[in-house]
Amino acid sequence: MPQSNPRALTIGGHPEPIVTGTLHPHWAEAARAKGFTLIARVRDRYSLALRCNDCGTLVCKALYVLMTCQKPLCPHCIEAGWRAKARAAGLSYLRRDPGNTHYAHYQAPCGHQIRRQFELIERIARGAVKHRCETCLSAREQGEAAARGWDLIGPDPKGDTNYRLYRHADCGARARIARANMRTGRFTCPGCGESWATAPSHLYAMRFQIAPGRYAVKLGFSRDPGSRLDHQLPRDKGVPRKLLYSVPIPSGQLALRLEKQLHKRLQSEHPGGLLPPEAFATALKVKSEVYRPELQRPILRELRRIARNQIGAARRPSSRPRKPARHPPARKRRP
């Protein structure tokens, strides 16, 4: 078989010396049958230079591999597949992990580098899971903790990936808190005992679209109406919703009492104003205290009345000076 005889071929970025010797026809036929073209003997008499018919690059394969494998692997095609799957997953392939053949390094859309298994990248490309950047996740968790008055210390000392270790900025107490609870504010500090009953709260009114063209008004109380609106009430983040009004209340215990009084008043003055649970079950996670949209104006009117009362109560002095107690005159002892 005619062939040129250079001193070396560059394969995979490295020069491979060409070894003189016969290129047998059955070798060439085996290469063609398996998607390659036989080029030369290289490195030693048992290694062959093959050109991949799919990508056109040179690869070095042992003669034994060519003759016994169903189809020798082309590392360039394999890497092209990794790059394509990375693009489908929204990532950029950088390089293989030299310490573990099952891992590679990728660049996330945020610009940070992440290390992931090839199998996980395939699942992300299929849409089965989503990727996340540890650097961005840590910054996001720190921001969530700071918004609640806490400092993120680190991972859970017990190894639970759903928990983190936090420090309360006010009292310095440390606590294991679920990240979901930190995000929504549903926890109590073990040091100072601040909870929903003692912490400042809010009465709120929110409007949700429970079906195309149909709306409902939710009346309740919460330490964090924003978290209630975005995380705790809607079944789907895409549900159209709006915080209509929020009244600051000094404590959760007072907010609960005012809320019960308000529900009782509304149901007395507007019988039939509550929606049945089946009307909003597909849109909201709650089962009660959801009103028809016609009650939006009465609800807002009542909340504004409560807000005025709270402003007035805050302006009044907390305590009046007590008058000195009057004691009856002491009786004189008879001699």
Protein backbone atom coordinates (compact mmCIF):
# COMPACT_ATOMS: atom_id res chain seq x y z
CA MET A 1 0.00 0.00 0.00
CA PRO A 2 1.59 3.30 -1.04
CA GLN A 3 2.16 5.82 1.78
CA SER A 4 4.31 8.83 2.57
CA ASN A 5 7.06 8.34 5.07
CA PRO A 6 7.49 11.43 7.29
CA ARG A 7 9.45 11.03 10.47
CA ALA A 8 6.50 11.65 12.80
CA LEU A 9 2.78 12.36 12.91
CA THR A 10 1.18 14.81 15.34
CA ILE A 11 -1.58 12.99 17.19
CA GLY A 12 -3.43 14.64 20.03
CA GLY A 13 -0.91 17.47 20.07
CA HIS A 14 2.06 15.13 20.50
CA PRO A 15 4.53 13.91 17.84
CA GLU A 16 4.37 10.16 17.33
CA PRO A 17 7.35 8.63 15.49
CA ILE A 18 6.44 6.58 12.44
CA VAL A 19 7.59 2.97 12.47
CA THR A 20 8.43 1.34 9.16
CA GLY A 21 6.60 -1.85 8.37
CA THR A 22 3.91 -3.38 6.24
CA LEU A 23 0.33 -2.13 6.51
CA HIS A 24 -1.63 -5.30 5.88
CA PRO A 25 -4.79 -5.10 3.75
CA HIS A 26 -6.97 -6.75 6.42
CA TRP A 27 -5.93 -4.01 8.84
CA ALA A 28 -7.10 -1.37 6.39
CA GLU A 29 -10.35 -3.26 5.81
CA ALA A 30 -11.00 -3.56 9.55
CA ALA A 31 -10.35 0.19 9.94
CA ARG A 32 -12.81 1.07 7.16
CA ALA A 33 -15.46 -1.20 8.62
CA LYS A 34 -15.14 0.56 11.98
CA GLY A 35 -15.19 4.17 10.73
CA PHE A 36 -11.45 4.85 10.36
CA THR A 37 -8.77 5.08 7.69
CA LEU A 38 -5.44 3.34 8.27
CA ILE A 39 -2.56 5.84 7.94
CA ALA A 40 0.68 4.37 9.35
CA ARG A 41 2.41 2.45 12.08
CA VAL A 42 3.51 4.74 14.91
CA ARG A 43 5.26 4.58 18.25
CA ASP A 44 5.96 0.85 17.99
CA ARG A 45 5.05 -2.03 15.72
CA TYR A 46 1.87 -2.75 17.68
CA SER A 47 0.33 0.78 17.38
CA LEU A 48 -1.44 2.33 14.41
CA ALA A 49 -2.31 5.86 13.32
CA LEU A 50 -5.96 6.01 12.23
CA ARG A 51 -7.97 8.90 10.82
CA CYS A 52 -11.55 9.16 12.13
CA ASN A 53 -13.99 9.34 9.23
CA ASP A 54 -16.46 11.37 11.35
CA CYS A 55 -14.24 14.22 12.59
CA GLY A 56 -11.13 13.81 10.38
CA THR A 57 -8.62 13.82 13.24
CA LEU A 58 -5.80 11.36 13.83
CA VAL A 59 -5.92 8.91 16.71
CA CYS A 60 -3.46 6.32 17.93
CA LYS A 61 -4.83 2.85 18.59
CA ALA A 62 -3.23 -0.45 19.43
CA LEU A 63 -3.47 -3.07 16.68
CA TYR A 64 -5.19 -5.39 19.15
CA VAL A 65 -7.88 -2.74 19.86
CA LEU A 66 -8.54 -2.20 16.15
CA MET A 67 -8.91 -5.89 15.42
CA THR A 68 -10.94 -6.93 18.49
CA CYS A 69 -13.15 -3.96 19.44
CA GLN A 70 -16.53 -3.52 17.82
CA LYS A 71 -15.74 0.17 17.24
CA PRO A 72 -12.67 1.91 18.69
CA LEU A 73 -13.47 5.19 20.43
CA CYS A 74 -12.34 8.48 18.96
CA PRO A 75 -11.37 10.82 21.84
CA HIS A 76 -12.04 13.87 19.67
CA CYS A 77 -15.59 12.73 18.90
CA ILE A 78 -16.12 11.92 22.57
CA GLU A 79 -14.97 15.41 23.58
CA ALA A 80 -17.20 16.95 20.89
CA GLY A 81 -20.10 15.05 22.45
CA TRP A 82 -19.21 16.40 25.89
CA ARG A 83 -19.13 19.93 24.49
CA ALA A 84 -22.49 19.47 22.76
CA LYS A 85 -24.12 18.11 25.93
CA ALA A 86 -22.62 20.97 27.94
CA ARG A 87 -24.15 23.48 25.52
CA ALA A 88 -27.51 21.71 25.78
CA ALA A 89 -27.22 22.01 29.57
CA GLY A 90 -26.44 25.73 29.33
CA LEU A 91 -22.76 25.29 30.25
CA SER A 92 -19.38 25.54 28.53
CA TYR A 93 -17.06 22.53 28.60
CA LEU A 94 -13.53 23.43 29.77
CA ARG A 95 -11.50 20.29 30.43
CA ARG A 96 -11.58 16.83 31.96
CA ASP A 97 -10.77 16.35 35.60
CA PRO A 98 -7.30 14.76 35.72
CA GLY A 99 -8.08 13.16 39.07
CA ASN A 100 -11.33 11.43 38.10
CA THR A 101 -12.32 10.24 34.63
CA HIS A 102 -16.04 10.58 35.47
CA TYR A 103 -15.79 14.34 36.07
CA ALA A 104 -15.03 17.46 34.04
CA HIS A 105 -14.81 21.19 34.63
CA TYR A 106 -17.41 23.53 33.14
CA GLN A 107 -18.14 27.24 33.08
CA ALA A 108 -21.59 28.24 34.30
CA PRO A 109 -23.56 31.15 32.81
CA CYS A 110 -22.65 33.22 35.88
CA GLY A 111 -18.96 32.97 34.93
CA HIS A 112 -17.88 30.64 37.74
CA GLN A 113 -16.29 27.24 37.15
CA ILE A 114 -18.03 24.12 38.42
CA ARG A 115 -16.97 20.45 38.56
CA ARG A 116 -19.63 17.92 37.57
CA GLN A 117 -20.06 14.31 36.53
CA PHE A 118 -20.68 13.60 32.85
CA GLU A 119 -23.80 11.66 33.82
CA LEU A 120 -25.20 14.69 35.68
CA ILE A 121 -24.58 16.93 32.65
CA GLU A 122 -26.60 14.49 30.53
CA ARG A 123 -29.48 14.68 33.01
CA ILE A 124 -29.32 18.48 32.98
CA ALA A 125 -29.33 18.47 29.17
CA ARG A 126 -32.46 16.27 29.22
CA GLY A 127 -34.14 18.70 31.59
CA ALA A 128 -34.38 16.17 34.44
CA VAL A 129 -32.48 18.43 36.87
CA LYS A 130 -30.97 21.92 36.93
CA HIS A 131 -27.40 22.95 37.57
CA ARG A 132 -26.40 25.33 40.33
CA CYS A 133 -23.22 27.21 41.08
CA GLU A 134 -21.85 26.71 44.60
CA THR A 135 -20.32 30.22 44.63
CA CYS A 136 -23.60 31.88 43.68
CA LEU A 137 -25.54 29.61 46.04
CA SER A 138 -23.33 30.60 48.98
CA ALA A 139 -23.77 34.31 48.19
CA ARG A 140 -27.53 33.83 47.88
CA GLU A 141 -27.69 31.99 51.22
CA GLN A 142 -25.68 34.72 52.92
CA GLY A 143 -28.09 37.32 51.57
CA GLU A 144 -31.11 35.34 52.77
CA ALA A 145 -29.62 35.08 56.26
CA ALA A 146 -28.68 38.78 56.39
CA ALA A 147 -32.23 39.74 55.42
CA ARG A 148 -33.46 37.89 58.54
CA GLY A 149 -30.79 39.34 60.85
CA TRP A 150 -28.62 36.22 60.84
CA ASP A 151 -25.10 35.35 59.66
CA LEU A 152 -24.34 32.22 57.66
CA ILE A 153 -21.51 30.29 59.36
CA GLY A 154 -21.26 27.22 57.14
CA PRO A 155 -22.71 23.81 56.30
CA ASP A 156 -24.76 21.77 58.73
CA PRO A 157 -22.47 20.12 61.33
CA LYS A 158 -24.67 17.01 61.14
CA GLY A 159 -24.22 16.75 57.38
CA ASP A 160 -27.83 17.42 56.34
CA THR A 161 -27.66 19.22 52.99
CA ASN A 162 -31.03 20.91 53.65
CA TYR A 163 -29.71 22.67 56.77
CA ARG A 164 -27.08 25.33 57.44
CA LEU A 165 -25.41 26.65 60.59
CA TYR A 166 -26.33 30.27 61.37
CA ARG A 167 -25.56 32.90 64.04
CA HIS A 168 -28.18 35.39 65.24
CA ALA A 169 -26.74 38.89 64.85
CA ASP A 170 -28.76 40.23 67.82
CA CYS A 171 -28.02 37.69 70.56
CA GLY A 172 -25.14 35.69 69.05
CA ALA A 173 -26.92 32.34 69.37
CA ARG A 174 -25.98 29.60 66.89
CA ALA A 175 -28.59 27.33 65.39
CA ARG A 176 -29.13 24.66 62.75
CA ILE A 177 -31.91 25.99 60.55
CA ALA A 178 -33.37 24.57 57.36
CA ARG A 179 -32.53 26.81 54.45
CA ALA A 180 -36.18 26.83 53.37
CA ASN A 181 -37.19 28.08 56.82
CA MET A 182 -34.50 30.78 56.77
CA ARG A 183 -35.79 31.92 53.39
CA THR A 184 -39.40 32.12 54.59
CA GLY A 185 -38.78 33.15 58.22
CA ARG A 186 -40.47 30.12 59.81
CA PHE A 187 -38.17 29.47 62.79
CA THR A 188 -37.48 30.62 66.35
CA CYS A 189 -34.15 31.78 67.77
CA PRO A 190 -33.08 29.37 70.55
CA GLY A 191 -31.14 32.17 72.28
CA CYS A 192 -33.49 35.13 72.61
CA GLY A 193 -36.68 33.18 71.94
CA GLU A 194 -37.93 35.52 69.23
CA SER A 195 -40.83 33.81 67.48
CA TRP A 196 -43.93 34.70 65.55
CA ALA A 197 -45.79 35.53 68.78
CA THR A 198 -43.26 38.09 70.04
CA ALA A 199 -41.75 39.36 66.80
CA PRO A 200 -43.30 42.27 64.84
CA SER A 201 -45.88 41.09 62.35
CA HIS A 202 -48.24 42.37 59.65
CA LEU A 203 -51.87 42.09 58.68
CA TYR A 204 -52.08 41.78 54.92
CA ALA A 205 -54.45 41.55 51.98
CA MET A 206 -53.30 39.84 48.77
CA ARG A 207 -54.95 39.25 45.42
CA PHE A 208 -54.37 36.04 43.46
CA GLN A 209 -55.54 34.88 40.04
CA ILE A 210 -57.02 31.47 40.73
CA ALA A 211 -58.12 30.86 37.14
CA PRO A 212 -58.11 32.84 33.89
CA GLY A 213 -60.26 35.90 34.57
CA ARG A 214 -61.02 34.82 38.18
CA TYR A 215 -59.46 36.36 41.28
CA ALA A 216 -59.51 35.90 45.03
CA VAL A 217 -58.42 37.99 48.03
CA LYS A 218 -56.46 36.42 50.89
CA LEU A 219 -56.58 38.08 54.30
CA GLY A 220 -54.16 37.02 57.03
CA PHE A 221 -51.13 37.89 59.12
CA SER A 222 -47.43 37.11 58.75
CA ARG A 223 -44.02 38.20 59.95
CA ASP A 224 -42.99 38.47 56.30
CA PRO A 225 -45.82 39.19 53.85
CA GLY A 226 -43.35 39.08 50.94
CA SER A 227 -42.36 35.52 51.78
CA ARG A 228 -46.00 34.63 52.28
CA LEU A 229 -46.84 36.06 48.86
CA ASP A 230 -44.01 34.40 46.94
CA HIS A 231 -43.32 31.11 48.74
CA GLN A 232 -45.97 29.97 51.20
CA LEU A 233 -49.29 30.67 49.48
CA PRO A 234 -49.06 30.05 45.70
CA ARG A 235 -48.76 26.52 44.39
CA ASP A 236 -46.96 27.80 41.31
CA LYS A 237 -44.51 30.70 41.15
CA GLY A 238 -46.14 31.78 37.92
CA VAL A 239 -49.51 32.53 39.58
CA PRO A 240 -50.31 36.27 39.05
CA ARG A 241 -50.45 37.86 42.50
CA LYS A 242 -50.15 41.19 44.27
CA LEU A 243 -49.77 42.48 47.81
CA LEU A 244 -52.65 44.95 48.16
CA TYR A 245 -52.04 46.32 51.64
CA SER A 246 -49.95 45.58 54.71
CA VAL A 247 -50.37 46.92 58.25
CA PRO A 248 -47.41 46.68 60.68
CA ILE A 249 -48.43 45.17 64.03
CA PRO A 250 -46.17 45.19 67.13
CA SER A 251 -46.41 41.43 67.75
CA GLY A 252 -47.66 38.28 66.15
CA GLN A 253 -49.95 37.61 69.09
CA LEU A 254 -51.72 40.94 68.58
CA ALA A 255 -51.84 40.38 64.82
CA LEU A 256 -53.55 37.02 65.36
CA ARG A 257 -56.16 38.59 67.66
CA LEU A 258 -56.88 41.44 65.22
CA GLU A 259 -57.08 39.00 62.31
CA LYS A 260 -59.68 36.84 64.09
CA GLN A 261 -61.74 39.91 64.94
CA LEU A 262 -61.58 41.10 61.34
CA HIS A 263 -62.64 37.72 59.92
CA LYS A 264 -65.56 37.59 62.33
CA ARG A 265 -66.65 41.10 61.35
CA LEU A 266 -66.39 40.46 57.61
CA GLN A 267 -68.31 37.19 57.77
CA SER A 268 -71.01 38.90 59.83
CA GLU A 269 -71.40 41.90 57.52
CA HIS A 270 -70.80 40.00 54.25
CA PRO A 271 -72.24 36.48 54.53
CA GLY A 272 -71.22 34.32 51.63
CA GLY A 273 -68.07 36.34 51.05
CA LEU A 274 -65.75 33.38 51.62
CA LEU A 275 -64.82 31.23 48.64
CA PRO A 276 -65.19 27.45 48.95
CA PRO A 277 -61.82 25.65 49.10
CA GLU A 278 -62.35 23.84 45.81
CA ALA A 279 -62.53 27.19 44.01
CA PHE A 280 -58.88 28.01 44.72
CA ALA A 281 -57.33 24.63 45.60
CA THR A 282 -55.33 24.41 42.35
CA ALA A 283 -53.78 27.88 42.81
CA LEU A 284 -53.24 28.29 46.57
CA LYS A 285 -51.90 26.05 49.33
CA VAL A 286 -54.30 27.33 52.02
CA LYS A 287 -57.80 25.97 52.63
CA SER A 288 -59.63 28.89 54.26
CA GLU A 289 -59.87 32.67 54.77
CA VAL A 290 -59.94 33.39 51.03
CA TYR A 291 -62.58 35.90 49.95
CA ARG A 292 -64.41 36.74 46.76
CA PRO A 293 -62.94 39.67 44.79
CA GLU A 294 -66.01 41.83 45.60
CA LEU A 295 -64.80 42.03 49.20
CA GLN A 296 -61.50 43.66 48.27
CA ARG A 297 -62.74 47.19 49.02
CA PRO A 298 -64.32 46.32 52.41
CA ILE A 299 -61.18 44.44 53.42
CA LEU A 300 -58.90 47.33 52.48
CA ARG A 301 -61.20 49.74 54.32
CA GLU A 302 -60.95 47.66 57.49
CA LEU A 303 -57.16 47.35 57.20
CA ARG A 304 -56.80 51.13 56.84
CA ARG A 305 -58.96 51.55 59.95
CA ILE A 306 -56.67 49.18 61.87
CA ALA A 307 -53.62 51.05 60.54
CA ARG A 308 -55.00 54.36 61.88
CA ASN A 309 -55.68 52.76 65.24
CA GLN A 310 -52.13 51.40 65.38
CA ILE A 311 -50.68 54.82 64.60
CA GLY A 312 -52.81 56.36 67.33
CA ALA A 313 -51.79 53.69 69.84
CA ALA A 314 -48.12 54.28 69.04
CA ARG A 315 -48.47 58.02 69.68
CA ARG A 316 -50.14 57.60 73.06
CA PRO A 317 -47.80 57.33 76.06
CA SER A 318 -47.21 53.74 77.00
CA SER A 319 -47.93 54.32 80.68
CA ARG A 320 -49.41 57.11 82.83
CA PRO A 321 -47.63 58.27 85.99
CA ARG A 322 -49.21 56.63 88.93
CA LYS A 323 -50.55 58.79 91.77
CA PRO A 324 -49.07 58.11 95.19
CA ALA A 325 -51.23 55.80 97.25
CA ARG A 326 -53.22 57.37 100.02
CA HIS A 327 -52.92 55.75 103.42
CA PRO A 328 -55.34 56.35 106.26
CA PRO A 329 -53.90 58.37 109.14
CA ALA A 330 -52.33 56.31 111.85
CA ARG A 331 -54.41 55.94 115.00
CA LYS A 332 -53.01 57.24 118.21
CA ARG A 333 -52.42 54.67 120.86
CA ARG A 334 -54.29 55.11 124.05
CA PRO A 335 -52.12 55.47 127.05
